[in-house]
PDB file of all heavy atoms in Angstrom:
ATOM      1  N   PRO A   1     -29.591  47.453   0.232  1.00  0.00           N
ATOM      2  CA  PRO A   1     -30.428  48.224  -0.718  1.00  0.00           C
ATOM      3  C   PRO A   1     -31.499  49.057  -0.040  1.00  0.00           C
ATOM      4  O   PRO A   1     -31.972  50.038  -0.613  1.00  0.00           O
ATOM      5  CB  PRO A   1     -31.033  47.137  -1.615  1.00  0.00           C
ATOM      6  CG  PRO A   1     -30.947  45.882  -0.813  1.00  0.00           C
ATOM      7  CD  PRO A   1     -29.700  46.004   0.007  1.00  0.00           C
ATOM      8  N   ASN A   2     -31.888  48.683   1.193  1.00  0.00           N
ATOM      9  CA  ASN A   2     -32.875  49.451   1.939  1.00  0.00           C
ATOM     10  C   ASN A   2     -32.239  50.261   3.060  1.00  0.00           C
ATOM     11  O   ASN A   2     -32.945  50.776   3.933  1.00  0.00           O
ATOM     12  CB  ASN A   2     -33.948  48.529   2.510  1.00  0.00           C
ATOM     13  CG  ASN A   2     -34.832  47.942   1.432  1.00  0.00           C
ATOM     14  OD1 ASN A   2     -35.187  48.626   0.476  1.00  0.00           O
ATOM     15  ND2 ASN A   2     -35.174  46.670   1.556  1.00  0.00           N
ATOM     16  N   ASP A   3     -30.916  50.335   3.042  1.00  0.00           N
ATOM     17  CA  ASP A   3     -30.173  51.108   4.036  1.00  0.00           C
ATOM     18  C   ASP A   3     -30.432  50.618   5.459  1.00  0.00           C
ATOM     19  O   ASP A   3     -30.358  51.396   6.418  1.00  0.00           O
ATOM     20  CB  ASP A   3     -30.507  52.599   3.919  1.00  0.00           C
ATOM     21  CG  ASP A   3     -29.411  53.470   4.522  1.00  0.00           C
ATOM     22  OD1 ASP A   3     -28.265  53.001   4.594  1.00  0.00           O
ATOM     23  OD2 ASP A   3     -29.719  54.598   4.937  1.00  0.00           O
ATOM     24  N   ALA A   4     -30.761  49.332   5.607  1.00  0.00           N
ATOM     25  CA  ALA A   4     -30.937  48.757   6.941  1.00  0.00           C
ATOM     26  C   ALA A   4     -29.593  48.676   7.638  1.00  0.00           C
ATOM     27  O   ALA A   4     -28.539  48.565   7.002  1.00  0.00           O
ATOM     28  CB  ALA A   4     -31.567  47.372   6.842  1.00  0.00           C
ATOM     29  N   ALA A   5     -29.594  48.717   8.968  1.00  0.00           N
ATOM     30  CA  ALA A   5     -28.359  48.633   9.740  1.00  0.00           C
ATOM     31  C   ALA A   5     -27.688  47.278   9.497  1.00  0.00           C
ATOM     32  O   ALA A   5     -28.361  46.242   9.384  1.00  0.00           O
ATOM     33  CB  ALA A   5     -28.650  48.821  11.219  1.00  0.00           C
ATOM     34  N   LEU A   6     -26.359  47.301   9.413  1.00  0.00           N
ATOM     35  CA  LEU A   6     -25.598  46.090   9.135  1.00  0.00           C
ATOM     36  C   LEU A   6     -24.710  45.718  10.319  1.00  0.00           C
ATOM     37  O   LEU A   6     -24.137  46.600  10.976  1.00  0.00           O
ATOM     38  CB  LEU A   6     -24.714  46.278   7.900  1.00  0.00           C
ATOM     39  CG  LEU A   6     -25.433  46.531   6.574  1.00  0.00           C
ATOM     40  CD1 LEU A   6     -24.405  46.796   5.478  1.00  0.00           C
ATOM     41  CD2 LEU A   6     -26.327  45.362   6.206  1.00  0.00           C
ATOM     42  N   LYS A   7     -24.603  44.415  10.553  1.00  0.00           N
ATOM     43  CA  LYS A   7     -23.642  43.878  11.514  1.00  0.00           C
ATOM     44  C   LYS A   7     -22.584  43.116  10.717  1.00  0.00           C
ATOM     45  O   LYS A   7     -22.923  42.201   9.959  1.00  0.00           O
ATOM     46  CB  LYS A   7     -24.319  42.953  12.520  1.00  0.00           C
ATOM     47  CG  LYS A   7     -23.361  42.347  13.533  1.00  0.00           C
ATOM     48  CD  LYS A   7     -24.080  41.402  14.483  1.00  0.00           C
ATOM     49  CE  LYS A   7     -23.107  40.785  15.481  1.00  0.00           C
ATOM     50  NZ  LYS A   7     -23.787  39.835  16.409  1.00  0.00           N
ATOM     51  N   VAL A   8     -21.320  43.489  10.876  1.00  0.00           N
ATOM     52  CA  VAL A   8     -20.232  42.877  10.123  1.00  0.00           C
ATOM     53  C   VAL A   8     -19.307  42.144  11.094  1.00  0.00           C
ATOM     54  O   VAL A   8     -18.802  42.746  12.053  1.00  0.00           O
ATOM     55  CB  VAL A   8     -19.436  43.928   9.331  1.00  0.00           C
ATOM     56  CG1 VAL A   8     -18.285  43.276   8.574  1.00  0.00           C
ATOM     57  CG2 VAL A   8     -20.359  44.667   8.365  1.00  0.00           C
ATOM     58  N   THR A   9     -19.100  40.861  10.860  1.00  0.00           N
ATOM     59  CA  THR A   9     -18.132  40.085  11.630  1.00  0.00           C
ATOM     60  C   THR A   9     -17.152  39.448  10.648  1.00  0.00           C
ATOM     61  O   THR A   9     -17.536  39.043   9.540  1.00  0.00           O
ATOM     62  CB  THR A   9     -18.807  38.995  12.473  1.00  0.00           C
ATOM     63  OG1 THR A   9     -19.515  38.107  11.604  1.00  0.00           O
ATOM     64  CG2 THR A   9     -19.765  39.597  13.482  1.00  0.00           C
ATOM     65  N   VAL A  10     -15.883  39.380  11.057  1.00  0.00           N
ATOM     66  CA  VAL A  10     -14.837  38.814  10.200  1.00  0.00           C
ATOM     67  C   VAL A  10     -14.030  37.814  11.017  1.00  0.00           C
ATOM     68  O   VAL A  10     -13.627  38.109  12.154  1.00  0.00           O
ATOM     69  CB  VAL A  10     -13.914  39.908   9.643  1.00  0.00           C
ATOM     70  CG1 VAL A  10     -12.868  39.305   8.704  1.00  0.00           C
ATOM     71  CG2 VAL A  10     -14.726  40.977   8.909  1.00  0.00           C
ATOM     72  N   THR A  11     -13.810  36.628  10.450  1.00  0.00           N
ATOM     73  CA  THR A  11     -12.996  35.613  11.114  1.00  0.00           C
ATOM     74  C   THR A  11     -11.756  35.316  10.295  1.00  0.00           C
ATOM     75  O   THR A  11     -11.761  35.409   9.059  1.00  0.00           O
ATOM     76  CB  THR A  11     -13.786  34.315  11.325  1.00  0.00           C
ATOM     77  OG1 THR A  11     -14.201  33.805  10.049  1.00  0.00           O
ATOM     78  CG2 THR A  11     -15.002  34.543  12.210  1.00  0.00           C
ATOM     79  N   ALA A  12     -10.694  34.961  11.009  1.00  0.00           N
ATOM     80  CA  ALA A  12      -9.459  34.483  10.379  1.00  0.00           C
ATOM     81  C   ALA A  12      -9.221  33.064  10.873  1.00  0.00           C
ATOM     82  O   ALA A  12      -9.088  32.839  12.080  1.00  0.00           O
ATOM     83  CB  ALA A  12      -8.289  35.388  10.749  1.00  0.00           C
ATOM     84  N   SER A  13      -9.206  32.089   9.976  1.00  0.00           N
ATOM     85  CA  SER A  13      -9.056  30.687  10.378  1.00  0.00           C
ATOM     86  C   SER A  13      -7.878  30.049   9.648  1.00  0.00           C
ATOM     87  O   SER A  13      -7.516  30.450   8.530  1.00  0.00           O
ATOM     88  CB  SER A  13     -10.344  29.912  10.092  1.00  0.00           C
ATOM     89  OG  SER A  13     -10.668  29.972   8.719  1.00  0.00           O
ATOM     90  N   HIS A  14      -7.272  29.055  10.298  1.00  0.00           N
ATOM     91  CA  HIS A  14      -6.186  28.309   9.674  1.00  0.00           C
ATOM     92  C   HIS A  14      -6.167  26.897  10.257  1.00  0.00           C
ATOM     93  O   HIS A  14      -6.606  26.668  11.392  1.00  0.00           O
ATOM     94  CB  HIS A  14      -4.837  28.998   9.902  1.00  0.00           C
ATOM     95  CG  HIS A  14      -4.453  29.092  11.360  1.00  0.00           C
ATOM     96  ND1 HIS A  14      -4.866  30.131  12.164  1.00  0.00           N
ATOM     97  CD2 HIS A  14      -3.692  28.282  12.147  1.00  0.00           C
ATOM     98  CE1 HIS A  14      -4.392  29.959  13.383  1.00  0.00           C
ATOM     99  NE2 HIS A  14      -3.667  28.836  13.399  1.00  0.00           N
ATOM    100  N   PRO A  15      -5.647  25.898   9.501  1.00  0.00           N
ATOM    101  CA  PRO A  15      -5.613  24.517   9.981  1.00  0.00           C
ATOM    102  C   PRO A  15      -4.532  24.327  11.038  1.00  0.00           C
ATOM    103  O   PRO A  15      -3.474  24.964  11.005  1.00  0.00           O
ATOM    104  CB  PRO A  15      -5.308  23.707   8.721  1.00  0.00           C
ATOM    105  CG  PRO A  15      -4.585  24.660   7.828  1.00  0.00           C
ATOM    106  CD  PRO A  15      -5.159  26.020   8.113  1.00  0.00           C
ATOM    107  N   VAL A  16      -4.825  23.431  11.963  1.00  0.00           N
ATOM    108  CA  VAL A  16      -3.899  23.113  13.034  1.00  0.00           C
ATOM    109  C   VAL A  16      -3.793  21.602  13.134  1.00  0.00           C
ATOM    110  O   VAL A  16      -4.812  20.892  13.073  1.00  0.00           O
ATOM    111  CB  VAL A  16      -4.376  23.700  14.378  1.00  0.00           C
ATOM    112  CG1 VAL A  16      -3.456  23.264  15.513  1.00  0.00           C
ATOM    113  CG2 VAL A  16      -4.438  25.213  14.300  1.00  0.00           C
ATOM    114  N   ILE A  17      -2.561  21.087  13.266  1.00  0.00           N
ATOM    115  CA  ILE A  17      -2.345  19.650  13.479  1.00  0.00           C
ATOM    116  C   ILE A  17      -1.952  19.445  14.931  1.00  0.00           C
ATOM    117  O   ILE A  17      -1.018  20.083  15.429  1.00  0.00           O
ATOM    118  CB  ILE A  17      -1.250  19.098  12.546  1.00  0.00           C
ATOM    119  CG1 ILE A  17      -1.683  19.290  11.078  1.00  0.00           C
ATOM    120  CG2 ILE A  17      -0.965  17.641  12.839  1.00  0.00           C
ATOM    121  CD1 ILE A  17      -0.608  18.879  10.095  1.00  0.00           C
ATOM    122  N   ALA A  18      -2.637  18.552  15.618  1.00  0.00           N
ATOM    123  CA  ALA A  18      -2.383  18.310  17.033  1.00  0.00           C
ATOM    124  C   ALA A  18      -2.620  16.850  17.354  1.00  0.00           C
ATOM    125  O   ALA A  18      -3.221  16.110  16.567  1.00  0.00           O
ATOM    126  CB  ALA A  18      -3.280  19.204  17.885  1.00  0.00           C
ATOM    127  N   LYS A  19      -2.102  16.442  18.492  1.00  0.00           N
ATOM    128  CA  LYS A  19      -2.349  15.078  18.937  1.00  0.00           C
ATOM    129  C   LYS A  19      -3.828  14.885  19.197  1.00  0.00           C
ATOM    130  O   LYS A  19      -4.494  15.765  19.742  1.00  0.00           O
ATOM    131  CB  LYS A  19      -1.579  14.776  20.217  1.00  0.00           C
ATOM    132  CG  LYS A  19      -0.085  14.608  20.026  1.00  0.00           C
ATOM    133  CD  LYS A  19       0.576  14.229  21.339  1.00  0.00           C
ATOM    134  CE  LYS A  19       2.080  14.028  21.156  1.00  0.00           C
ATOM    135  NZ  LYS A  19       2.714  13.629  22.448  1.00  0.00           N
ATOM    136  N   CYS A  20      -4.328  13.746  18.812  1.00  0.00           N
ATOM    137  CA  CYS A  20      -5.729  13.425  19.086  1.00  0.00           C
ATOM    138  C   CYS A  20      -5.869  12.958  20.531  1.00  0.00           C
ATOM    139  O   CYS A  20      -4.957  12.318  21.090  1.00  0.00           O
ATOM    140  CB  CYS A  20      -6.222  12.308  18.160  1.00  0.00           C
ATOM    141  SG  CYS A  20      -6.236  12.798  16.431  1.00  0.00           S
ATOM    142  N   ARG A  21      -6.976  13.270  21.082  1.00  0.00           N
ATOM    143  CA  ARG A  21      -7.262  12.730  22.402  1.00  0.00           C
ATOM    144  C   ARG A  21      -7.497  11.242  22.311  1.00  0.00           C
ATOM    145  O   ARG A  21      -8.222  10.773  21.443  1.00  0.00           O
ATOM    146  CB  ARG A  21      -8.495  13.420  22.996  1.00  0.00           C
ATOM    147  CG  ARG A  21      -8.285  14.887  23.329  1.00  0.00           C
ATOM    148  CD  ARG A  21      -9.530  15.457  23.947  1.00  0.00           C
ATOM    149  NE  ARG A  21      -9.360  16.876  24.279  1.00  0.00           N
ATOM    150  CZ  ARG A  21     -10.315  17.616  24.831  1.00  0.00           C
ATOM    151  NH1 ARG A  21     -11.502  17.054  25.095  1.00  0.00           N
ATOM    152  NH2 ARG A  21     -10.085  18.877  25.115  1.00  0.00           N
ATOM    153  N   SER A  22      -6.864  10.490  23.225  1.00  0.00           N
ATOM    154  CA  SER A  22      -7.053   9.028  23.206  1.00  0.00           C
ATOM    155  C   SER A  22      -8.428   8.677  23.711  1.00  0.00           C
ATOM    156  O   SER A  22      -8.956   9.316  24.625  1.00  0.00           O
ATOM    157  CB  SER A  22      -5.987   8.354  24.073  1.00  0.00           C
ATOM    158  OG  SER A  22      -6.089   8.833  25.409  1.00  0.00           O
ATOM    159  N   GLN A  23      -9.034   7.738  23.061  1.00  0.00           N
ATOM    160  CA  GLN A  23     -10.360   7.291  23.466  1.00  0.00           C
ATOM    161  C   GLN A  23     -10.234   6.340  24.650  1.00  0.00           C
ATOM    162  O   GLN A  23      -9.250   5.628  24.807  1.00  0.00           O
ATOM    163  CB  GLN A  23     -11.052   6.586  22.297  1.00  0.00           C
ATOM    164  CG  GLN A  23     -11.275   7.494  21.112  1.00  0.00           C
ATOM    165  CD  GLN A  23     -11.966   6.761  19.991  1.00  0.00           C
ATOM    166  OE1 GLN A  23     -12.338   5.594  20.143  1.00  0.00           O
ATOM    167  NE2 GLN A  23     -12.115   7.434  18.869  1.00  0.00           N
ATOM    168  N   ARG A  24     -11.236   6.323  25.458  1.00  0.00           N
ATOM    169  CA  ARG A  24     -11.231   5.432  26.618  1.00  0.00           C
ATOM    170  C   ARG A  24     -11.139   3.976  26.164  1.00  0.00           C
ATOM    171  O   ARG A  24     -11.849   3.555  25.272  1.00  0.00           O
ATOM    172  CB  ARG A  24     -12.490   5.629  27.453  1.00  0.00           C
ATOM    173  CG  ARG A  24     -12.525   6.964  28.201  1.00  0.00           C
ATOM    174  CD  ARG A  24     -13.744   7.042  29.081  1.00  0.00           C
ATOM    175  NE  ARG A  24     -13.769   8.300  29.829  1.00  0.00           N
ATOM    176  CZ  ARG A  24     -14.718   8.620  30.712  1.00  0.00           C
ATOM    177  NH1 ARG A  24     -15.703   7.761  30.927  1.00  0.00           N
ATOM    178  NH2 ARG A  24     -14.653   9.753  31.341  1.00  0.00           N
ATOM    179  N   GLY A  25     -10.286   3.227  26.864  1.00  0.00           N
ATOM    180  CA  GLY A  25     -10.140   1.803  26.538  1.00  0.00           C
ATOM    181  C   GLY A  25      -9.161   1.543  25.427  1.00  0.00           C
ATOM    182  O   GLY A  25      -8.921   0.388  25.068  1.00  0.00           O
ATOM    183  N   HIS A  26      -8.589   2.574  24.828  1.00  0.00           N
ATOM    184  CA  HIS A  26      -7.623   2.398  23.730  1.00  0.00           C
ATOM    185  C   HIS A  26      -6.322   3.067  24.101  1.00  0.00           C
ATOM    186  O   HIS A  26      -6.307   4.251  24.480  1.00  0.00           O
ATOM    187  CB  HIS A  26      -8.167   3.000  22.428  1.00  0.00           C
ATOM    188  CG  HIS A  26      -9.374   2.283  21.905  1.00  0.00           C
ATOM    189  ND1 HIS A  26      -9.282   1.171  21.105  1.00  0.00           N
ATOM    190  CD2 HIS A  26     -10.699   2.530  22.106  1.00  0.00           C
ATOM    191  CE1 HIS A  26     -10.508   0.742  20.811  1.00  0.00           C
ATOM    192  NE2 HIS A  26     -11.377   1.560  21.415  1.00  0.00           N
ATOM    193  N   ARG A  27      -5.256   2.312  24.028  1.00  0.00           N
ATOM    194  CA  ARG A  27      -3.930   2.867  24.282  1.00  0.00           C
ATOM    195  C   ARG A  27      -3.196   3.026  22.954  1.00  0.00           C
ATOM    196  O   ARG A  27      -3.235   2.136  22.115  1.00  0.00           O
ATOM    197  CB  ARG A  27      -3.129   1.950  25.202  1.00  0.00           C
ATOM    198  CG  ARG A  27      -3.720   1.882  26.620  1.00  0.00           C
ATOM    199  CD  ARG A  27      -2.829   0.995  27.473  1.00  0.00           C
ATOM    200  NE  ARG A  27      -3.364   0.923  28.821  1.00  0.00           N
ATOM    201  CZ  ARG A  27      -2.792   0.212  29.801  1.00  0.00           C
ATOM    202  NH1 ARG A  27      -1.679  -0.473  29.538  1.00  0.00           N
ATOM    203  NH2 ARG A  27      -3.336   0.184  30.996  1.00  0.00           N
ATOM    204  N   PRO A  28      -2.504   4.114  22.783  1.00  0.00           N
ATOM    205  CA  PRO A  28      -1.750   4.279  21.534  1.00  0.00           C
ATOM    206  C   PRO A  28      -0.580   3.304  21.481  1.00  0.00           C
ATOM    207  O   PRO A  28       0.037   2.988  22.497  1.00  0.00           O
ATOM    208  CB  PRO A  28      -1.260   5.721  21.603  1.00  0.00           C
ATOM    209  CG  PRO A  28      -1.270   6.063  23.054  1.00  0.00           C
ATOM    210  CD  PRO A  28      -2.377   5.276  23.672  1.00  0.00           C
ATOM    211  N   THR A  29      -0.326   2.801  20.296  1.00  0.00           N
ATOM    212  CA  THR A  29       0.806   1.885  20.111  1.00  0.00           C
ATOM    213  C   THR A  29       2.100   2.667  20.123  1.00  0.00           C
ATOM    214  O   THR A  29       2.101   3.896  19.949  1.00  0.00           O
ATOM    215  CB  THR A  29       0.665   1.136  18.773  1.00  0.00           C
ATOM    216  OG1 THR A  29       0.736   2.088  17.724  1.00  0.00           O
ATOM    217  CG2 THR A  29      -0.655   0.386  18.698  1.00  0.00           C
ATOM    218  N   ARG A  30       3.190   1.919  20.354  1.00  0.00           N
ATOM    219  CA  ARG A  30       4.483   2.587  20.409  1.00  0.00           C
ATOM    220  C   ARG A  30       4.906   3.086  19.043  1.00  0.00           C
ATOM    221  O   ARG A  30       5.692   4.028  18.913  1.00  0.00           O
ATOM    222  CB  ARG A  30       5.540   1.633  20.970  1.00  0.00           C
ATOM    223  CG  ARG A  30       5.299   1.289  22.449  1.00  0.00           C
ATOM    224  CD  ARG A  30       6.410   0.357  22.940  1.00  0.00           C
ATOM    225  NE  ARG A  30       6.182   0.022  24.351  1.00  0.00           N
ATOM    226  CZ  ARG A  30       6.989  -0.788  25.058  1.00  0.00           C
ATOM    227  NH1 ARG A  30       8.063  -1.320  24.458  1.00  0.00           N
ATOM    228  NH2 ARG A  30       6.738  -1.051  26.315  1.00  0.00           N
ATOM    229  N   THR A  31       4.408   2.464  18.024  1.00  0.00           N
ATOM    230  CA  THR A  31       4.861   2.823  16.678  1.00  0.00           C
ATOM    231  C   THR A  31       3.965   3.858  16.006  1.00  0.00           C
ATOM    232  O   THR A  31       4.385   4.507  15.062  1.00  0.00           O
ATOM    233  CB  THR A  31       4.910   1.567  15.788  1.00  0.00           C
ATOM    234  OG1 THR A  31       3.630   0.961  15.777  1.00  0.00           O
ATOM    235  CG2 THR A  31       5.926   0.584  16.335  1.00  0.00           C
ATOM    236  N   ARG A  32       2.716   4.031  16.459  1.00  0.00           N
ATOM    237  CA  ARG A  32       1.797   4.994  15.805  1.00  0.00           C
ATOM    238  C   ARG A  32       1.456   6.131  16.758  1.00  0.00           C
ATOM    239  O   ARG A  32       1.172   5.902  17.933  1.00  0.00           O
ATOM    240  CB  ARG A  32       0.512   4.285  15.378  1.00  0.00           C
ATOM    241  CG  ARG A  32       0.713   3.243  14.288  1.00  0.00           C
ATOM    242  CD  ARG A  32      -0.628   2.657  13.901  1.00  0.00           C
ATOM    243  NE  ARG A  32      -1.519   3.712  13.389  1.00  0.00           N
ATOM    244  CZ  ARG A  32      -2.821   3.522  13.172  1.00  0.00           C
ATOM    245  NH1 ARG A  32      -3.378   2.347  13.423  1.00  0.00           N
ATOM    246  NH2 ARG A  32      -3.543   4.505  12.703  1.00  0.00           N
TER     247      ARG A  32
END
């Protein structure tokens, strides 16, 4: 409304499924 300079940024995001990083001291089971 005051004709001030504008900065415009646009993002495109989407969900991703990936293996979780194993925590120290925990080993993943063979079944999970």
